Amino acid sequence: MNIERKNIMVKDFFSYNKKVIKEAYLYEKIKNDKVKCLSCERKCIINNNQYGFCHTKINFSGKLYTIVYGDISAIESRPIEIKPFFHYWPGSTALTFSTWSCNFNCLWCQNYHLSKNFPNPLKSNYISPEEMVNIAIKNNDEGLCVSFQEPTLLLEYSIDVFSIAKKNNLYCCYVSNGYMTLEALKLLKDSGMDGLKIDVKGDYETYEKYCGGVNLDIVWRNAREAKKMGIHIEIVNLIVTNVNDSENQINELIERHLKEVGEDTPIHFTRYYPAYKFHNPPTKIEILEKARDKALRMGIKYAYIGNVPGHPYENTYCPNCGKCVIKRYGYKVLKYDLINGKCPNCGYNIPIFGKYCEK
């Protein structure tokens, strides 16, 4: 596709708003002014004066540029539990922000007003990395989170923000589909990212049919490698009615979870609601309950239900004695009974990354 927005050519972007345009950190030059983007595993080969799949990277005269550096589509201080992260800085808030577009094409996208809109540098909302960190500090947030749409598209900006945030003792995390390259994952880790929530959409067929023909193995590879790097991982499976809700699909997901990230890594089975171009009915709560119970029986120690506020499976229970050690209602922590990360009843260690922040 020719890179033109409302009759403005890409060369004019540099004249109108240079701040949101920056040379990409990860790409490879190939012949005839073509480039290969190395931010995500689509690894788009982009001709001169063309976009990649996500429309946030452009090839201009044989160099790859991001056109969303600091172009912020949404920003809000939010509880970390809403991501959901349940074992990562419980009770804290993160300054959460996003840009535009996505590298997937999920038909039930919950944030389609952001992910299905392409960026336009001529109408950008630029916030510098320094200002973003200062906003978090002024809001008394404990960390920063890139979310709402796929954060990998904001890779260059994330790295610069996280580097500053770490110097100010703020945590840094992604809420992602997990399709970044290993090179991108390492850069994020080195810049200060220590939390990663990955949405696993389902089985191979789900990814091929509903998410734009991407490879499930890459998602699990990144979850596994991120955990090896010392990044805190939590897995979320949005169970979509008549798409990925069969017993066999859920069994396969649990088995893969145990193989790739282990029994101590939390898993969340969340309720789907109709959105964007998908109108199947909401997930039956009993399917979520069966998935959670099956996960526990198969060996996952921390399995949760999401998008069902007030359900007892939102709580954290000690795997050893069964005591409720963290009680929640939706994204609110109502009770936190861990003592130095241990169950007060039997002393069993519950893995929590970061400290509990009582607001």
Protein backbone atom coordinates (compact mmCIF):
# COMPACT_ATOMS: atom_id res chain seq x y z
CA MET A 1 0.00 0.00 0.00
CA ASN A 2 1.32 3.43 -0.91
CA ILE A 3 2.08 5.39 2.25
CA GLU A 4 -0.19 8.36 1.87
CA ARG A 5 -2.57 9.78 4.46
CA LYS A 6 -5.15 12.19 3.10
CA ASN A 7 -2.90 13.14 0.20
CA ILE A 8 0.09 13.78 2.49
CA MET A 9 3.13 11.71 1.51
CA VAL A 10 5.49 10.17 4.01
CA LYS A 11 8.25 12.66 3.25
CA ASP A 12 5.90 15.35 4.55
CA PHE A 13 5.51 13.56 7.90
CA PHE A 14 9.07 14.62 8.71
CA SER A 15 8.14 18.24 8.16
CA TYR A 16 4.91 18.18 10.19
CA ASN A 17 5.86 16.17 13.29
CA LYS A 18 9.41 14.92 13.60
CA LYS A 19 8.99 13.93 17.26
CA VAL A 20 6.81 10.86 16.60
CA ILE A 21 9.04 9.61 13.77
CA LYS A 22 12.21 7.79 14.76
CA GLU A 23 14.44 5.24 13.08
CA ALA A 24 13.45 1.75 14.18
CA TYR A 25 15.72 -0.07 16.63
CA LEU A 26 15.36 -3.47 14.96
CA TYR A 27 15.45 -3.94 11.21
CA GLU A 28 17.60 -5.31 8.42
CA LYS A 29 18.42 -3.66 5.13
CA ILE A 30 18.04 -5.78 2.02
CA LYS A 31 18.56 -5.03 -1.64
CA ASN A 32 16.63 -2.52 -3.75
CA ASP A 33 15.89 -0.29 -0.74
CA LYS A 34 13.78 -3.00 0.88
CA VAL A 35 13.93 -3.55 4.65
CA LYS A 36 12.89 -6.34 6.99
CA CYS A 37 11.25 -5.26 10.25
CA LEU A 38 12.50 -7.27 13.25
CA SER A 39 10.20 -5.95 15.98
CA CYS A 40 7.62 -8.74 15.72
CA GLU A 41 7.65 -12.21 14.23
CA ARG A 42 5.70 -11.17 11.16
CA LYS A 43 9.10 -9.84 10.04
CA CYS A 44 7.51 -7.79 7.29
CA ILE A 45 9.60 -7.16 4.19
CA ILE A 46 8.73 -3.58 3.30
CA ASN A 47 9.35 -1.87 -0.01
CA ASN A 48 10.38 1.77 -0.21
CA ASN A 49 7.45 4.10 0.53
CA GLN A 50 5.34 1.34 2.05
CA TYR A 51 4.02 0.32 5.46
CA GLY A 52 4.41 -2.96 7.28
CA PHE A 53 1.37 -5.00 8.30
CA CYS A 54 0.74 -2.89 11.41
CA HIS A 55 1.02 0.49 9.65
CA THR A 56 3.24 1.84 12.43
CA LYS A 57 6.52 1.17 10.59
CA ILE A 58 7.44 2.72 7.24
CA ASN A 59 10.30 2.34 4.79
CA PHE A 60 11.58 5.70 3.64
CA SER A 61 14.59 5.65 1.28
CA GLY A 62 15.79 2.28 2.56
CA LYS A 63 15.50 3.06 6.30
CA LEU A 64 12.77 1.79 8.61
CA TYR A 65 11.00 4.30 10.83
CA THR A 66 8.37 4.08 13.53
CA ILE A 67 5.71 6.75 13.12
CA VAL A 68 4.21 6.27 16.61
CA TYR A 69 7.13 7.23 18.85
CA GLY A 70 5.32 8.84 21.79
CA ASP A 71 2.03 9.10 19.86
CA ILE A 72 -0.26 8.20 22.76
CA SER A 73 -3.82 7.09 22.01
CA ALA A 74 -4.85 6.48 25.65
CA ILE A 75 -3.30 7.09 29.08
CA GLU A 76 -4.68 6.29 32.54
CA SER A 77 -3.54 5.19 35.99
CA ARG A 78 -5.03 1.73 36.49
CA PRO A 79 -4.90 -1.04 39.10
CA ILE A 80 -2.42 -3.74 38.13
CA GLU A 81 -5.07 -6.41 38.81
CA ILE A 82 -7.14 -5.15 35.86
CA LYS A 83 -4.46 -6.31 33.36
CA PRO A 84 -4.84 -8.95 34.93
CA PHE A 85 -1.67 -9.37 36.99
CA PHE A 86 -2.44 -11.16 40.28
CA HIS A 87 1.08 -12.09 41.40
CA TYR A 88 2.87 -8.90 40.33
CA TRP A 89 2.91 -5.83 42.58
CA PRO A 90 -0.55 -6.56 44.05
CA GLY A 91 -2.57 -3.53 45.11
CA SER A 92 -0.47 -1.14 43.01
CA THR A 93 -1.39 1.14 40.13
CA ALA A 94 0.45 1.52 36.84
CA LEU A 95 0.36 4.45 34.47
CA THR A 96 -1.02 2.63 31.45
CA PHE A 97 -0.67 3.91 27.91
CA SER A 98 -0.96 2.85 24.28
CA THR A 99 -0.65 3.91 20.68
CA TRP A 100 -2.56 2.73 17.57
CA SER A 101 -3.07 -0.42 15.47
CA CYS A 102 -2.06 -4.08 16.01
CA ASN A 103 -0.04 -6.89 14.44
CA PHE A 104 -2.93 -9.34 14.92
CA ASN A 105 -6.38 -9.26 13.39
CA CYS A 106 -8.61 -10.75 16.11
CA LEU A 107 -12.28 -10.52 15.21
CA TRP A 108 -13.42 -10.06 18.84
CA CYS A 109 -10.94 -7.35 19.83
CA GLN A 110 -12.06 -5.64 23.03
CA ASN A 111 -10.13 -2.42 22.29
CA TYR A 112 -10.86 -2.21 18.57
CA HIS A 113 -11.30 1.58 18.69
CA LEU A 114 -7.51 1.73 19.24
CA SER A 115 -6.21 -1.41 17.57
CA LYS A 116 -8.21 -1.08 14.36
CA ASN A 117 -7.24 2.54 13.72
CA PHE A 118 -3.99 3.38 11.94
CA PRO A 119 -1.78 6.19 13.22
CA ASN A 120 -1.56 9.56 11.56
CA PRO A 121 1.56 11.56 12.49
CA LEU A 122 -0.17 14.73 11.36
CA LYS A 123 -2.65 14.37 14.23
CA SER A 124 -0.46 12.79 16.89
CA ASN A 125 -0.61 13.27 20.65
CA TYR A 126 3.07 13.35 21.55
CA ILE A 127 4.27 12.75 25.12
CA SER A 128 8.02 12.56 25.67
CA PRO A 129 9.51 9.60 27.62
CA GLU A 130 10.58 11.97 30.41
CA GLU A 131 7.11 13.45 30.68
CA MET A 132 5.49 10.00 30.74
CA VAL A 133 7.62 8.96 33.72
CA ASN A 134 6.95 12.26 35.46
CA ILE A 135 3.19 11.75 35.07
CA ALA A 136 3.51 8.34 36.77
CA ILE A 137 5.48 9.87 39.64
CA LYS A 138 2.97 12.72 40.08
CA ASN A 139 0.11 10.19 40.11
CA ASN A 140 1.86 8.10 42.79
CA ASP A 141 1.88 5.08 40.48
CA GLU A 142 4.29 2.30 41.34
CA GLY A 143 4.96 1.45 37.70
CA LEU A 144 4.24 1.82 34.01
CA CYS A 145 2.38 -0.54 31.70
CA VAL A 146 2.01 -0.54 27.92
CA SER A 147 -1.40 -1.99 27.16
CA PHE A 148 -4.84 -1.41 25.50
CA GLN A 149 -3.44 -2.37 22.07
CA GLU A 150 -0.33 -4.42 21.20
CA PRO A 151 2.61 -2.75 22.99
CA THR A 152 5.28 -4.21 20.68
CA LEU A 153 4.24 -1.57 18.13
CA LEU A 154 5.51 1.01 20.63
CA LEU A 155 8.83 -0.81 21.05
CA GLU A 156 11.26 2.08 20.59
CA TYR A 157 9.30 4.39 22.88
CA SER A 158 8.78 1.66 25.50
CA ILE A 159 12.51 1.01 25.71
CA ASP A 160 13.27 4.69 26.24
CA VAL A 161 10.46 5.13 28.81
CA PHE A 162 11.42 1.97 30.74
CA SER A 163 15.08 3.01 30.92
CA ILE A 164 14.06 6.26 32.64
CA ALA A 165 11.42 4.56 34.79
CA LYS A 166 13.89 2.07 36.24
CA LYS A 167 16.14 4.90 37.36
CA ASN A 168 13.15 6.19 39.30
CA ASN A 169 12.42 2.80 40.92
CA LEU A 170 9.23 2.17 38.92
CA TYR A 171 8.28 -1.24 37.60
CA CYS A 172 7.72 -1.74 33.87
CA CYS A 173 5.43 -4.22 32.17
CA TYR A 174 3.69 -5.22 28.94
CA VAL A 175 0.20 -6.61 28.31
CA SER A 176 0.88 -8.35 25.03
CA ASN A 177 -0.12 -10.98 22.48
CA GLY A 178 3.44 -12.29 22.85
CA TYR A 179 4.46 -12.04 19.19
CA MET A 180 7.61 -9.92 19.52
CA THR A 181 10.95 -11.23 18.25
CA LEU A 182 13.47 -12.56 20.75
CA GLU A 183 15.67 -9.56 19.90
CA ALA A 184 12.84 -7.22 20.90
CA LEU A 185 12.17 -9.20 24.07
CA LYS A 186 15.82 -8.95 25.09
CA LEU A 187 15.90 -5.19 24.46
CA LEU A 188 12.80 -4.78 26.61
CA LYS A 189 14.31 -6.86 29.40
CA ASP A 190 17.57 -4.89 29.25
CA SER A 191 15.67 -1.58 29.39
CA GLY A 192 13.87 -2.59 32.60
CA MET A 193 10.75 -4.60 31.70
CA ASP A 194 10.16 -7.14 34.47
CA GLY A 195 6.49 -8.07 33.93
CA LEU A 196 4.79 -9.62 30.90
CA LYS A 197 1.18 -10.72 30.63
CA ILE A 198 0.61 -12.77 27.50
CA ASP A 199 -2.77 -13.46 25.95
CA VAL A 200 -2.83 -16.99 24.55
CA LYS A 201 -5.76 -17.04 22.14
CA GLY A 202 -6.24 -20.81 21.86
CA ASP A 203 -4.95 -23.60 19.62
CA TYR A 204 -3.27 -23.52 16.20
CA GLU A 205 -6.59 -23.31 14.38
CA THR A 206 -7.68 -20.30 16.45
CA TYR A 207 -4.56 -18.38 15.50
CA GLU A 208 -4.80 -19.34 11.84
CA LYS A 209 -8.50 -18.68 11.42
CA TYR A 210 -9.20 -15.77 13.73
CA CYS A 211 -5.95 -13.90 14.47
CA GLY A 212 -4.46 -13.27 11.05
CA GLY A 213 -2.54 -16.47 10.35
CA VAL A 214 0.12 -16.17 13.05
CA ASN A 215 2.05 -18.98 14.75
CA LEU A 216 1.06 -20.16 18.24
CA ASP A 217 4.52 -21.67 18.84
CA ILE A 218 6.08 -18.18 18.80
CA VAL A 219 3.78 -17.04 21.61
CA TRP A 220 4.71 -19.94 23.87
CA ARG A 221 8.39 -19.60 22.94
CA ASN A 222 8.36 -15.99 24.13
CA ALA A 223 6.57 -16.89 27.35
CA ARG A 224 9.17 -19.57 28.04
CA GLU A 225 12.16 -17.39 27.15
CA ALA A 226 10.84 -14.38 29.08
CA LYS A 227 10.54 -16.52 32.19
CA LYS A 228 14.11 -17.74 31.71
CA MET A 229 15.20 -14.08 31.57
CA GLY A 230 13.64 -13.49 35.00
CA ILE A 231 10.60 -11.62 33.75
CA HIS A 232 7.42 -12.27 35.72
CA ILE A 233 4.90 -14.05 33.47
CA GLU A 234 1.15 -14.50 33.70
CA ILE A 235 -0.94 -16.18 31.00
CA VAL A 236 -4.48 -15.19 30.03
CA ASN A 237 -6.83 -17.25 27.91
CA LEU A 238 -9.95 -15.42 26.76
CA ILE A 239 -12.39 -18.30 26.24
CA VAL A 240 -14.53 -17.38 23.25
CA THR A 241 -17.84 -19.19 22.77
CA ASN A 242 -17.68 -21.81 20.01
CA VAL A 243 -14.11 -20.86 19.12
CA ASN A 244 -11.68 -22.14 21.77
CA ASP A 245 -14.01 -23.44 24.49
CA SER A 246 -13.94 -27.20 23.83
CA GLU A 247 -12.59 -29.58 26.46
CA ASN A 248 -9.81 -30.74 24.14
CA GLN A 249 -8.66 -27.19 23.41
CA ILE A 250 -8.59 -26.28 27.09
CA ASN A 251 -6.69 -29.50 27.93
CA GLU A 252 -4.10 -28.74 25.25
CA LEU A 253 -3.68 -25.21 26.56
CA ILE A 254 -3.11 -26.40 30.14
CA GLU A 255 -0.62 -29.04 29.02
CA ARG A 256 1.32 -26.48 27.00
CA HIS A 257 1.28 -24.04 29.91
CA LEU A 258 2.79 -26.64 32.23
CA LYS A 259 5.42 -27.59 29.65
CA GLU A 260 6.52 -24.07 28.73
CA VAL A 261 6.12 -21.92 31.86
CA GLY A 262 5.49 -24.37 34.69
CA GLU A 263 3.10 -24.97 37.56
CA ASP A 264 3.86 -21.75 39.48
CA THR A 265 2.97 -19.42 36.58
CA PRO A 266 -0.56 -18.04 37.05
CA ILE A 267 -3.18 -18.67 34.38
CA HIS A 268 -6.39 -16.67 33.95
CA PHE A 269 -9.44 -17.96 32.09
CA THR A 270 -11.42 -14.86 31.23
CA ARG A 271 -14.95 -14.34 30.05
CA TYR A 272 -15.53 -13.14 26.51
CA TYR A 273 -18.20 -10.62 25.59
CA PRO A 274 -19.26 -9.81 22.00
CA ALA A 275 -17.15 -7.05 20.48
CA TYR A 276 -15.97 -5.66 17.16
CA LYS A 277 -16.99 -8.13 14.40
CA PHE A 278 -17.78 -11.12 16.62
CA HIS A 279 -21.23 -11.69 18.06
CA ASN A 280 -21.20 -15.15 19.62
CA PRO A 281 -22.83 -15.11 23.09
CA PRO A 282 -20.73 -14.45 26.21
CA THR A 283 -18.78 -17.34 27.68
CA LYS A 284 -20.79 -19.55 30.01
CA ILE A 285 -19.46 -19.21 33.54
CA GLU A 286 -19.55 -22.98 34.03
CA ILE A 287 -17.06 -23.39 31.16
CA LEU A 288 -14.67 -20.99 32.91
CA GLU A 289 -15.13 -22.87 36.18
CA LYS A 290 -14.42 -26.22 34.53
CA ALA A 291 -11.30 -24.82 32.88
CA ARG A 292 -10.02 -23.47 36.17
CA ASP A 293 -10.76 -26.72 38.03
CA LYS A 294 -9.10 -28.76 35.28
CA ALA A 295 -5.99 -26.57 35.46
CA LEU A 296 -5.68 -27.24 39.20
CA ARG A 297 -6.21 -30.97 38.77
CA MET A 298 -3.56 -31.10 36.05
CA GLY A 299 -1.02 -29.35 38.26
CA ILE A 300 -1.18 -25.57 37.79
CA LYS A 301 -1.06 -24.07 41.28
CA TYR A 302 -2.63 -20.67 40.56
CA ALA A 303 -5.63 -20.66 38.22
CA TYR A 304 -8.18 -17.84 38.06
CA ILE A 305 -11.42 -16.74 36.45
CA GLY A 306 -11.64 -13.24 35.00
CA ASN A 307 -14.38 -10.83 33.91
CA VAL A 308 -16.78 -12.31 36.51
CA PRO A 309 -16.57 -9.82 39.41
CA GLY A 310 -17.19 -11.34 42.82
CA HIS A 311 -16.54 -14.94 41.77
CA PRO A 312 -14.57 -16.88 44.43
CA TYR A 313 -12.13 -18.03 41.73
CA GLU A 314 -10.80 -14.46 41.57
CA ASN A 315 -9.10 -15.14 44.90
CA THR A 316 -5.68 -16.64 45.56
CA TYR A 317 -5.71 -19.83 47.62
CA CYS A 318 -2.73 -21.53 49.21
CA PRO A 319 -1.98 -24.66 47.13
CA ASN A 320 -0.86 -26.46 50.29
CA CYS A 321 -3.65 -25.85 52.82
CA GLY A 322 -6.40 -24.16 50.76
CA LYS A 323 -6.57 -20.94 52.80
CA CYS A 324 -7.68 -17.80 50.94
CA VAL A 325 -4.59 -15.60 51.18
CA ILE A 326 -5.62 -12.81 48.74
CA LYS A 327 -9.29 -11.88 48.43
CA ARG A 328 -10.38 -9.81 45.42
CA TYR A 329 -13.44 -8.25 43.92
CA GLY A 330 -12.71 -7.58 40.26
CA TYR A 331 -9.55 -5.47 40.21
CA LYS A 332 -9.77 -4.56 43.93
CA VAL A 333 -7.73 -6.32 46.59
CA LEU A 334 -10.03 -6.67 49.61
CA LYS A 335 -7.71 -8.67 51.83
CA TYR A 336 -4.01 -9.53 51.68
CA ASP A 337 -2.95 -12.10 54.26
CA LEU A 338 0.50 -13.12 53.06
CA ILE A 339 3.31 -12.60 55.55
CA ASN A 340 6.63 -12.11 53.76
CA GLY A 341 5.14 -13.96 50.81
CA LYS A 342 4.07 -16.95 52.88
CA CYS A 343 0.69 -18.41 53.82
CA PRO A 344 -0.06 -17.35 57.42
CA ASN A 345 -1.69 -20.73 58.10
CA CYS A 346 0.94 -23.22 56.92
CA GLY A 347 3.97 -21.16 55.88
CA TYR A 348 3.81 -22.20 52.20
CA ASN A 349 5.63 -19.75 49.92
CA ILE A 350 3.33 -18.01 47.41
CA PRO A 351 5.36 -16.49 44.53
CA ILE A 352 4.68 -12.75 44.37
CA PHE A 353 6.84 -10.40 42.29
CA GLY A 354 7.18 -7.00 43.95
CA LYS A 355 5.57 -5.84 47.15
CA TYR A 356 1.96 -5.42 48.18
CA CYS A 357 0.90 -1.78 47.84
CA GLU A 358 -2.07 -0.92 49.99
CA LYS A 359 -3.77 2.16 48.51
